[in-house]
All heavy atoms as atom14 arrays in JSON, in Angstrom:
{
  "sequence": "DLLSLAPLNSEITGTIVSIPQNQSKDKINFFFNVDKIHYGNTEKVL",
  "atom14_mask": [
    [1, 1, 1, 1, 1, 1, 1, 1, 0, 0, 0, 0, 0, 0],
    [1, 1, 1, 1, 1, 1, 1, 1, 0, 0, 0, 0, 0, 0],
    [1, 1, 1, 1, 1, 1, 1, 1, 0, 0, 0, 0, 0, 0],
    [1, 1, 1, 1, 1, 1, 0, 0, 0, 0, 0, 0, 0, 0],
    [1, 1, 1, 1, 1, 1, 1, 1, 0, 0, 0, 0, 0, 0],
    [1, 1, 1, 1, 1, 0, 0, 0, 0, 0, 0, 0, 0, 0],
    [1, 1, 1, 1, 1, 1, 1, 0, 0, 0, 0, 0, 0, 0],
    [1, 1, 1, 1, 1, 1, 1, 1, 0, 0, 0, 0, 0, 0],
    [1, 1, 1, 1, 1, 1, 1, 1, 0, 0, 0, 0, 0, 0],
    [1, 1, 1, 1, 1, 1, 0, 0, 0, 0, 0, 0, 0, 0],
    [1, 1, 1, 1, 1, 1, 1, 1, 1, 0, 0, 0, 0, 0],
    [1, 1, 1, 1, 1, 1, 1, 1, 0, 0, 0, 0, 0, 0],
    [1, 1, 1, 1, 1, 1, 1, 0, 0, 0, 0, 0, 0, 0],
    [1, 1, 1, 1, 0, 0, 0, 0, 0, 0, 0, 0, 0, 0],
    [1, 1, 1, 1, 1, 1, 1, 0, 0, 0, 0, 0, 0, 0],
    [1, 1, 1, 1, 1, 1, 1, 1, 0, 0, 0, 0, 0, 0],
    [1, 1, 1, 1, 1, 1, 1, 0, 0, 0, 0, 0, 0, 0],
    [1, 1, 1, 1, 1, 1, 0, 0, 0, 0, 0, 0, 0, 0],
    [1, 1, 1, 1, 1, 1, 1, 1, 0, 0, 0, 0, 0, 0],
    [1, 1, 1, 1, 1, 1, 1, 0, 0, 0, 0, 0, 0, 0],
    [1, 1, 1, 1, 1, 1, 1, 1, 1, 0, 0, 0, 0, 0],
    [1, 1, 1, 1, 1, 1, 1, 1, 0, 0, 0, 0, 0, 0],
    [1, 1, 1, 1, 1, 1, 1, 1, 1, 0, 0, 0, 0, 0],
    [1, 1, 1, 1, 1, 1, 0, 0, 0, 0, 0, 0, 0, 0],
    [1, 1, 1, 1, 1, 1, 1, 1, 1, 0, 0, 0, 0, 0],
    [1, 1, 1, 1, 1, 1, 1, 1, 0, 0, 0, 0, 0, 0],
    [1, 1, 1, 1, 1, 1, 1, 1, 1, 0, 0, 0, 0, 0],
    [1, 1, 1, 1, 1, 1, 1, 1, 0, 0, 0, 0, 0, 0],
    [1, 1, 1, 1, 1, 1, 1, 1, 0, 0, 0, 0, 0, 0],
    [1, 1, 1, 1, 1, 1, 1, 1, 1, 1, 1, 0, 0, 0],
    [1, 1, 1, 1, 1, 1, 1, 1, 1, 1, 1, 0, 0, 0],
    [1, 1, 1, 1, 1, 1, 1, 1, 1, 1, 1, 0, 0, 0],
    [1, 1, 1, 1, 1, 1, 1, 1, 0, 0, 0, 0, 0, 0],
    [1, 1, 1, 1, 1, 1, 1, 0, 0, 0, 0, 0, 0, 0],
    [1, 1, 1, 1, 1, 1, 1, 1, 0, 0, 0, 0, 0, 0],
    [1, 1, 1, 1, 1, 1, 1, 1, 1, 0, 0, 0, 0, 0],
    [1, 1, 1, 1, 1, 1, 1, 1, 0, 0, 0, 0, 0, 0],
    [1, 1, 1, 1, 1, 1, 1, 1, 1, 1, 0, 0, 0, 0],
    [1, 1, 1, 1, 1, 1, 1, 1, 1, 1, 1, 1, 0, 0],
    [1, 1, 1, 1, 0, 0, 0, 0, 0, 0, 0, 0, 0, 0],
    [1, 1, 1, 1, 1, 1, 1, 1, 0, 0, 0, 0, 0, 0],
    [1, 1, 1, 1, 1, 1, 1, 0, 0, 0, 0, 0, 0, 0],
    [1, 1, 1, 1, 1, 1, 1, 1, 1, 0, 0, 0, 0, 0],
    [1, 1, 1, 1, 1, 1, 1, 1, 1, 0, 0, 0, 0, 0],
    [1, 1, 1, 1, 1, 1, 1, 0, 0, 0, 0, 0, 0, 0],
    [1, 1, 1, 1, 1, 1, 1, 1, 0, 0, 0, 0, 0, 0]
  ],
  "atom14_positions": [
    [[-4.65, -27.03, -1.16], [-4.04, -26.74, -2.43], [-2.98, -25.71, -2.27], [-1.83, -25.78, -2.84], [-5.11, -26.26, -3.52], [-6.05, -27.34, -3.9], [-5.7, -28.51, -3.73], [-7.12, -27.0, -4.33], [0.0, 0.0, 0.0], [0.0, 0.0, 0.0], [0.0, 0.0, 0.0], [0.0, 0.0, 0.0], [0.0, 0.0, 0.0], [0.0, 0.0, 0.0]],
    [[-3.27, -24.63, -1.49], [-2.37, -23.58, -1.27], [-1.17, -24.06, -0.5], [-0.04, -23.66, -0.77], [-3.04, -22.29, -0.63], [-2.08, -21.09, -0.55], [-1.72, -20.61, -1.93], [-2.86, -20.07, 0.28], [0.0, 0.0, 0.0], [0.0, 0.0, 0.0], [0.0, 0.0, 0.0], [0.0, 0.0, 0.0], [0.0, 0.0, 0.0], [0.0, 0.0, 0.0]],
    [[-1.33, -24.81, 0.53], [-0.28, -25.36, 1.34], [0.76, -26.15, 0.49], [1.89, -26.15, 0.74], [-0.71, -26.17, 2.45], [-1.29, -25.36, 3.63], [-1.85, -26.28, 4.79], [-0.2, -24.45, 4.28], [0.0, 0.0, 0.0], [0.0, 0.0, 0.0], [0.0, 0.0, 0.0], [0.0, 0.0, 0.0], [0.0, 0.0, 0.0], [0.0, 0.0, 0.0]],
    [[0.24, -26.93, -0.51], [1.1, -27.59, -1.37], [1.97, -26.66, -2.28], [3.05, -27.02, -2.64], [0.4, -28.65, -2.19], [-0.42, -27.94, -3.15], [0.0, 0.0, 0.0], [0.0, 0.0, 0.0], [0.0, 0.0, 0.0], [0.0, 0.0, 0.0], [0.0, 0.0, 0.0], [0.0, 0.0, 0.0], [0.0, 0.0, 0.0], [0.0, 0.0, 0.0]],
    [[1.51, -25.47, -2.56], [2.12, -24.57, -3.36], [3.11, -23.67, -2.47], [4.11, -23.23, -3.03], [1.24, -23.62, -4.11], [0.31, -24.28, -5.2], [-0.71, -23.3, -5.65], [1.26, -24.8, -6.31], [0.0, 0.0, 0.0], [0.0, 0.0, 0.0], [0.0, 0.0, 0.0], [0.0, 0.0, 0.0], [0.0, 0.0, 0.0], [0.0, 0.0, 0.0]],
    [[2.68, -23.42, -1.29], [3.49, -22.41, -0.4], [3.86, -23.1, 0.88], [3.02, -23.15, 1.77], [2.61, -21.24, -0.18], [0.0, 0.0, 0.0], [0.0, 0.0, 0.0], [0.0, 0.0, 0.0], [0.0, 0.0, 0.0], [0.0, 0.0, 0.0], [0.0, 0.0, 0.0], [0.0, 0.0, 0.0], [0.0, 0.0, 0.0], [0.0, 0.0, 0.0]],
    [[5.07, -23.55, 0.99], [5.49, -24.09, 2.28], [5.42, -23.07, 3.44], [5.35, -21.92, 3.12], [6.89, -24.61, 2.07], [7.19, -24.4, 0.62], [6.09, -23.64, 0.0], [0.0, 0.0, 0.0], [0.0, 0.0, 0.0], [0.0, 0.0, 0.0], [0.0, 0.0, 0.0], [0.0, 0.0, 0.0], [0.0, 0.0, 0.0], [0.0, 0.0, 0.0]],
    [[5.56, -23.5, 4.66], [5.64, -22.52, 5.7], [6.76, -21.52, 5.5], [7.76, -21.88, 4.92], [5.82, -23.28, 7.04], [4.74, -24.2, 7.52], [5.04, -24.94, 8.85], [3.43, -23.46, 7.67], [0.0, 0.0, 0.0], [0.0, 0.0, 0.0], [0.0, 0.0, 0.0], [0.0, 0.0, 0.0], [0.0, 0.0, 0.0], [0.0, 0.0, 0.0]],
    [[6.61, -20.34, 5.98], [7.58, -19.28, 5.9], [7.77, -18.8, 4.49], [8.85, -18.38, 4.06], [8.9, -19.62, 6.46], [8.79, -19.98, 8.0], [8.14, -19.29, 8.72], [9.43, -20.99, 8.42], [0.0, 0.0, 0.0], [0.0, 0.0, 0.0], [0.0, 0.0, 0.0], [0.0, 0.0, 0.0], [0.0, 0.0, 0.0], [0.0, 0.0, 0.0]],
    [[6.68, -18.84, 3.68], [6.71, -18.38, 2.39], [6.27, -16.88, 2.39], [5.5, -16.44, 3.21], [5.69, -19.12, 1.4], [6.06, -20.43, 1.29], [0.0, 0.0, 0.0], [0.0, 0.0, 0.0], [0.0, 0.0, 0.0], [0.0, 0.0, 0.0], [0.0, 0.0, 0.0], [0.0, 0.0, 0.0], [0.0, 0.0, 0.0], [0.0, 0.0, 0.0]],
    [[6.7, -16.13, 1.34], [6.2, -14.75, 1.15], [5.18, -14.92, 0.09], [5.47, -15.36, -1.11], [7.31, -13.88, 0.76], [6.92, -12.47, 0.53], [8.04, -11.57, 0.11], [9.07, -11.57, 0.98], [7.98, -10.95, -0.94], [0.0, 0.0, 0.0], [0.0, 0.0, 0.0], [0.0, 0.0, 0.0], [0.0, 0.0, 0.0], [0.0, 0.0, 0.0]],
    [[3.9, -14.48, 0.4], [2.83, -14.5, -0.69], [2.45, -13.07, -0.95], [2.23, -12.32, -0.06], [1.61, -15.34, -0.12], [2.06, -16.74, 0.28], [0.51, -15.3, -1.03], [1.03, -17.59, 0.89], [0.0, 0.0, 0.0], [0.0, 0.0, 0.0], [0.0, 0.0, 0.0], [0.0, 0.0, 0.0], [0.0, 0.0, 0.0], [0.0, 0.0, 0.0]],
    [[2.41, -12.74, -2.21], [2.07, -11.44, -2.67], [0.79, -11.53, -3.51], [0.57, -12.44, -4.21], [3.17, -10.76, -3.36], [3.41, -11.45, -4.5], [4.39, -10.51, -2.47], [0.0, 0.0, 0.0], [0.0, 0.0, 0.0], [0.0, 0.0, 0.0], [0.0, 0.0, 0.0], [0.0, 0.0, 0.0], [0.0, 0.0, 0.0], [0.0, 0.0, 0.0]],
    [[0.05, -10.41, -3.47], [-1.25, -10.29, -4.18], [-2.03, -9.11, -3.8], [-1.44, -8.15, -3.32], [0.0, 0.0, 0.0], [0.0, 0.0, 0.0], [0.0, 0.0, 0.0], [0.0, 0.0, 0.0], [0.0, 0.0, 0.0], [0.0, 0.0, 0.0], [0.0, 0.0, 0.0], [0.0, 0.0, 0.0], [0.0, 0.0, 0.0], [0.0, 0.0, 0.0]],
    [[-3.38, -9.21, -3.81], [-4.19, -8.1, -3.72], [-5.44, -8.52, -2.8], [-6.03, -9.55, -3.1], [-4.74, -7.55, -5.03], [-3.6, -7.24, -5.92], [-5.59, -6.29, -4.91], [0.0, 0.0, 0.0], [0.0, 0.0, 0.0], [0.0, 0.0, 0.0], [0.0, 0.0, 0.0], [0.0, 0.0, 0.0], [0.0, 0.0, 0.0], [0.0, 0.0, 0.0]],
    [[-5.7, -7.77, -1.81], [-6.97, -8.01, -1.09], [-8.12, -7.58, -1.97], [-8.11, -6.35, -2.41], [-6.97, -7.23, 0.27], [-5.83, -7.71, 1.14], [-8.33, -7.29, 0.98], [-5.56, -6.96, 2.41], [0.0, 0.0, 0.0], [0.0, 0.0, 0.0], [0.0, 0.0, 0.0], [0.0, 0.0, 0.0], [0.0, 0.0, 0.0], [0.0, 0.0, 0.0]],
    [[-9.08, -8.43, -2.23], [-10.14, -8.08, -3.12], [-11.56, -7.96, -2.53], [-12.53, -7.95, -3.21], [-10.17, -9.11, -4.31], [-8.9, -9.01, -5.26], [-10.33, -10.52, -3.86], [0.0, 0.0, 0.0], [0.0, 0.0, 0.0], [0.0, 0.0, 0.0], [0.0, 0.0, 0.0], [0.0, 0.0, 0.0], [0.0, 0.0, 0.0], [0.0, 0.0, 0.0]],
    [[-11.55, -8.0, -1.21], [-12.89, -7.76, -0.45], [-12.62, -6.92, 0.71], [-11.5, -6.83, 1.15], [-13.61, -9.17, -0.09], [-12.83, -9.7, 0.86], [0.0, 0.0, 0.0], [0.0, 0.0, 0.0], [0.0, 0.0, 0.0], [0.0, 0.0, 0.0], [0.0, 0.0, 0.0], [0.0, 0.0, 0.0], [0.0, 0.0, 0.0], [0.0, 0.0, 0.0]],
    [[-13.62, -6.3, 1.22], [-13.54, -5.52, 2.4], [-13.42, -6.5, 3.64], [-14.23, -7.39, 3.81], [-14.76, -4.63, 2.6], [-14.86, -3.59, 1.51], [-14.78, -3.92, 3.93], [-16.08, -2.78, 1.46], [0.0, 0.0, 0.0], [0.0, 0.0, 0.0], [0.0, 0.0, 0.0], [0.0, 0.0, 0.0], [0.0, 0.0, 0.0], [0.0, 0.0, 0.0]],
    [[-12.44, -6.37, 4.42], [-12.26, -7.21, 5.66], [-13.56, -7.17, 6.48], [-14.06, -6.12, 6.74], [-11.06, -6.81, 6.29], [-10.24, -6.12, 5.26], [-11.23, -5.49, 4.33], [0.0, 0.0, 0.0], [0.0, 0.0, 0.0], [0.0, 0.0, 0.0], [0.0, 0.0, 0.0], [0.0, 0.0, 0.0], [0.0, 0.0, 0.0], [0.0, 0.0, 0.0]],
    [[-14.02, -8.35, 6.9], [-15.27, -8.42, 7.77], [-14.8, -9.08, 9.09], [-14.18, -10.08, 9.14], [-16.26, -9.35, 7.03], [-16.67, -8.88, 5.68], [-17.54, -7.6, 5.77], [-18.4, -7.49, 6.59], [-17.31, -6.68, 4.89], [0.0, 0.0, 0.0], [0.0, 0.0, 0.0], [0.0, 0.0, 0.0], [0.0, 0.0, 0.0], [0.0, 0.0, 0.0]],
    [[-15.49, -8.5, 10.18], [-15.24, -9.16, 11.5], [-16.5, -10.1, 11.69], [-17.6, -9.68, 11.89], [-15.31, -8.06, 12.57], [-14.04, -7.35, 12.72], [-13.2, -7.45, 11.82], [-13.86, -6.6, 13.81], [0.0, 0.0, 0.0], [0.0, 0.0, 0.0], [0.0, 0.0, 0.0], [0.0, 0.0, 0.0], [0.0, 0.0, 0.0], [0.0, 0.0, 0.0]],
    [[-16.17, -11.46, 11.55], [-17.21, -12.41, 11.71], [-17.49, -12.57, 13.18], [-18.54, -13.04, 13.61], [-16.93, -13.72, 11.02], [-16.7, -13.61, 9.54], [-18.05, -13.17, 8.85], [-19.07, -13.55, 9.26], [-17.87, -12.33, 7.8], [0.0, 0.0, 0.0], [0.0, 0.0, 0.0], [0.0, 0.0, 0.0], [0.0, 0.0, 0.0], [0.0, 0.0, 0.0]],
    [[-16.48, -12.44, 14.02], [-16.58, -12.49, 15.48], [-15.44, -11.57, 15.97], [-14.71, -11.08, 15.22], [-16.37, -13.9, 16.0], [-15.06, -14.35, 15.62], [0.0, 0.0, 0.0], [0.0, 0.0, 0.0], [0.0, 0.0, 0.0], [0.0, 0.0, 0.0], [0.0, 0.0, 0.0], [0.0, 0.0, 0.0], [0.0, 0.0, 0.0], [0.0, 0.0, 0.0]],
    [[-15.43, -11.39, 17.32], [-14.44, -10.46, 17.84], [-12.97, -11.07, 17.74], [-11.99, -10.26, 17.93], [-14.74, -10.1, 19.27], [-14.68, -11.23, 20.26], [-15.03, -10.73, 21.61], [-14.89, -11.8, 22.64], [-15.12, -11.35, 24.05], [0.0, 0.0, 0.0], [0.0, 0.0, 0.0], [0.0, 0.0, 0.0], [0.0, 0.0, 0.0], [0.0, 0.0, 0.0]],
    [[-12.86, -12.34, 17.44], [-11.52, -12.86, 17.34], [-11.13, -13.38, 15.95], [-10.06, -14.02, 15.84], [-11.36, -14.06, 18.34], [-12.39, -15.17, 18.05], [-13.34, -14.97, 17.36], [-12.12, -16.31, 18.44], [0.0, 0.0, 0.0], [0.0, 0.0, 0.0], [0.0, 0.0, 0.0], [0.0, 0.0, 0.0], [0.0, 0.0, 0.0], [0.0, 0.0, 0.0]],
    [[-11.84, -12.92, 14.99], [-11.43, -13.36, 13.6], [-11.9, -12.27, 12.51], [-12.98, -11.8, 12.55], [-12.04, -14.66, 13.28], [-11.56, -15.18, 11.93], [-12.07, -16.6, 11.61], [-13.32, -17.13, 12.17], [-13.68, -18.39, 11.58], [0.0, 0.0, 0.0], [0.0, 0.0, 0.0], [0.0, 0.0, 0.0], [0.0, 0.0, 0.0], [0.0, 0.0, 0.0]],
    [[-11.03, -12.0, 11.65], [-11.24, -11.12, 10.41], [-11.09, -11.96, 9.2], [-10.01, -12.62, 9.1], [-10.33, -9.85, 10.47], [-10.55, -9.01, 11.68], [-10.44, -9.04, 9.14], [-9.44, -7.96, 11.81], [0.0, 0.0, 0.0], [0.0, 0.0, 0.0], [0.0, 0.0, 0.0], [0.0, 0.0, 0.0], [0.0, 0.0, 0.0], [0.0, 0.0, 0.0]],
    [[-12.03, -11.93, 8.35], [-11.96, -12.62, 7.02], [-11.92, -11.68, 5.84], [-12.69, -10.68, 5.83], [-13.14, -13.49, 6.93], [-13.31, -14.62, 7.89], [-12.24, -15.17, 8.37], [-14.44, -15.01, 8.31], [0.0, 0.0, 0.0], [0.0, 0.0, 0.0], [0.0, 0.0, 0.0], [0.0, 0.0, 0.0], [0.0, 0.0, 0.0], [0.0, 0.0, 0.0]],
    [[-11.21, -12.0, 4.82], [-11.21, -11.33, 3.58], [-10.8, -12.18, 2.42], [-10.06, -13.24, 2.67], [-10.38, -10.01, 3.61], [-8.9, -10.24, 3.96], [-7.95, -10.5, 3.03], [-8.56, -10.16, 5.31], [-6.69, -10.62, 3.28], [-7.14, -10.33, 5.69], [-6.27, -10.58, 4.65], [0.0, 0.0, 0.0], [0.0, 0.0, 0.0], [0.0, 0.0, 0.0]],
    [[-11.03, -11.83, 1.24], [-10.62, -12.6, 0.02], [-9.33, -11.95, -0.5], [-9.25, -10.75, -0.47], [-11.68, -12.73, -1.14], [-12.76, -13.56, -0.7], [-13.91, -13.11, -0.28], [-12.65, -15.03, -0.81], [-14.96, -14.07, 0.1], [-13.55, -15.88, -0.54], [-14.78, -15.42, 0.01], [0.0, 0.0, 0.0], [0.0, 0.0, 0.0], [0.0, 0.0, 0.0]],
    [[-8.38, -12.83, -1.02], [-7.07, -12.33, -1.4], [-6.69, -13.06, -2.71], [-6.89, -14.26, -2.83], [-6.06, -12.72, -0.31], [-4.66, -12.2, -0.58], [-4.27, -10.94, -0.26], [-3.64, -13.11, -1.04], [-3.02, -10.44, -0.39], [-2.34, -12.68, -1.17], [-2.06, -11.32, -0.84], [0.0, 0.0, 0.0], [0.0, 0.0, 0.0], [0.0, 0.0, 0.0]],
    [[-6.33, -12.3, -3.74], [-5.84, -12.97, -4.96], [-4.33, -13.06, -4.89], [-3.66, -12.07, -4.77], [-6.15, -12.0, -6.11], [-7.63, -12.13, -6.63], [-8.27, -13.09, -6.29], [-8.03, -11.3, -7.51], [0.0, 0.0, 0.0], [0.0, 0.0, 0.0], [0.0, 0.0, 0.0], [0.0, 0.0, 0.0], [0.0, 0.0, 0.0], [0.0, 0.0, 0.0]],
    [[-3.83, -14.34, -4.91], [-2.46, -14.62, -4.86], [-1.86, -14.54, -6.24], [-2.27, -15.13, -7.19], [-2.24, -16.03, -4.28], [-0.71, -16.39, -4.24], [-2.84, -16.19, -2.91], [0.0, 0.0, 0.0], [0.0, 0.0, 0.0], [0.0, 0.0, 0.0], [0.0, 0.0, 0.0], [0.0, 0.0, 0.0], [0.0, 0.0, 0.0], [0.0, 0.0, 0.0]],
    [[-0.86, -13.59, -6.33], [-0.08, -13.5, -7.6], [1.26, -14.28, -7.61], [1.62, -14.83, -8.58], [0.24, -12.08, -7.95], [-1.05, -11.21, -8.1], [-2.02, -11.74, -8.65], [-1.12, -10.05, -7.69], [0.0, 0.0, 0.0], [0.0, 0.0, 0.0], [0.0, 0.0, 0.0], [0.0, 0.0, 0.0], [0.0, 0.0, 0.0], [0.0, 0.0, 0.0]],
    [[2.0, -14.23, -6.44], [3.3, -14.84, -6.38], [3.4, -15.53, -4.96], [3.02, -15.03, -4.02], [4.46, -13.81, -6.59], [4.57, -13.28, -7.86], [5.74, -12.3, -7.93], [5.88, -11.51, -9.27], [6.82, -10.52, -9.17], [0.0, 0.0, 0.0], [0.0, 0.0, 0.0], [0.0, 0.0, 0.0], [0.0, 0.0, 0.0], [0.0, 0.0, 0.0]],
    [[4.32, -16.54, -5.05], [4.63, -17.26, -3.8], [6.24, -17.38, -3.99], [6.7, -17.85, -4.89], [4.03, -18.61, -3.59], [2.47, -18.55, -3.68], [4.55, -19.31, -2.36], [1.77, -19.84, -3.71], [0.0, 0.0, 0.0], [0.0, 0.0, 0.0], [0.0, 0.0, 0.0], [0.0, 0.0, 0.0], [0.0, 0.0, 0.0], [0.0, 0.0, 0.0]],
    [[6.92, -16.83, -2.9], [8.36, -16.9, -2.85], [8.86, -17.56, -1.61], [8.42, -17.22, -0.49], [8.88, -15.46, -2.85], [10.4, -15.42, -3.01], [11.12, -15.56, -4.14], [11.32, -15.19, -2.04], [12.36, -15.39, -3.86], [12.52, -15.22, -2.55], [0.0, 0.0, 0.0], [0.0, 0.0, 0.0], [0.0, 0.0, 0.0], [0.0, 0.0, 0.0]],
    [[9.7, -18.56, -1.74], [10.34, -19.25, -0.65], [11.72, -19.72, -1.06], [11.88, -20.16, -2.15], [9.47, -20.34, -0.09], [9.1, -21.44, -1.02], [9.82, -22.54, -1.19], [7.93, -21.24, -1.87], [9.56, -23.5, -2.21], [7.64, -22.25, -2.84], [8.46, -23.33, -2.94], [8.07, -24.28, -3.88], [0.0, 0.0, 0.0], [0.0, 0.0, 0.0]],
    [[12.71, -19.52, -0.15], [14.13, -19.95, -0.54], [14.52, -19.3, -1.87], [14.35, -18.03, -2.09], [0.0, 0.0, 0.0], [0.0, 0.0, 0.0], [0.0, 0.0, 0.0], [0.0, 0.0, 0.0], [0.0, 0.0, 0.0], [0.0, 0.0, 0.0], [0.0, 0.0, 0.0], [0.0, 0.0, 0.0], [0.0, 0.0, 0.0], [0.0, 0.0, 0.0]],
    [[15.0, -20.06, -2.83], [15.35, -19.54, -4.11], [14.25, -19.82, -5.14], [14.47, -19.66, -6.33], [16.65, -20.21, -4.59], [17.8, -19.77, -3.73], [17.93, -18.6, -3.27], [18.69, -20.68, -3.58], [0.0, 0.0, 0.0], [0.0, 0.0, 0.0], [0.0, 0.0, 0.0], [0.0, 0.0, 0.0], [0.0, 0.0, 0.0], [0.0, 0.0, 0.0]],
    [[13.03, -20.1, -4.71], [11.9, -20.52, -5.64], [10.88, -19.42, -5.64], [10.53, -18.85, -4.55], [11.28, -21.85, -5.17], [12.28, -22.84, -5.18], [10.15, -22.25, -6.1], [0.0, 0.0, 0.0], [0.0, 0.0, 0.0], [0.0, 0.0, 0.0], [0.0, 0.0, 0.0], [0.0, 0.0, 0.0], [0.0, 0.0, 0.0], [0.0, 0.0, 0.0]],
    [[10.42, -19.1, -6.8], [9.31, -18.17, -6.9], [8.37, -18.71, -7.92], [8.68, -19.12, -9.0], [9.79, -16.84, -7.44], [8.61, -15.82, -7.6], [9.08, -14.42, -7.91], [9.47, -13.71, -7.0], [9.11, -14.0, -9.24], [0.0, 0.0, 0.0], [0.0, 0.0, 0.0], [0.0, 0.0, 0.0], [0.0, 0.0, 0.0], [0.0, 0.0, 0.0]],
    [[7.07, -18.81, -7.48], [6.01, -19.35, -8.37], [5.07, -18.18, -8.7], [4.6, -17.4, -7.75], [5.26, -20.46, -7.61], [5.99, -21.66, -7.38], [5.16, -22.77, -6.71], [5.98, -23.95, -6.4], [5.36, -25.08, -5.89], [0.0, 0.0, 0.0], [0.0, 0.0, 0.0], [0.0, 0.0, 0.0], [0.0, 0.0, 0.0], [0.0, 0.0, 0.0]],
    [[4.83, -17.99, -9.91], [3.85, -16.96, -10.36], [2.49, -17.68, -10.7], [2.44, -18.67, -11.42], [4.33, -16.26, -11.62], [3.34, -15.17, -12.1], [5.68, -15.56, -11.36], [0.0, 0.0, 0.0], [0.0, 0.0, 0.0], [0.0, 0.0, 0.0], [0.0, 0.0, 0.0], [0.0, 0.0, 0.0], [0.0, 0.0, 0.0], [0.0, 0.0, 0.0]],
    [[1.4, -17.16, -10.04], [0.16, -17.79, -10.19], [-0.78, -16.86, -10.94], [-0.5, -15.71, -11.14], [-0.48, -18.04, -8.83], [0.37, -19.04, -7.91], [-0.34, -19.11, -6.66], [0.52, -20.3, -8.52], [0.0, 0.0, 0.0], [0.0, 0.0, 0.0], [0.0, 0.0, 0.0], [0.0, 0.0, 0.0], [0.0, 0.0, 0.0], [0.0, 0.0, 0.0]]
  ]
}
């Protein structure tokens, strides 16, 4: 769903809403609330 809204090389703005967690030594996970997606001359407000 997000990829259909935000093509590659998009700028996505929002807020990190959880404490980042190290599930393993090679990955950090957190939840993020997306407010805007900007690419080219297009801006989508979510």
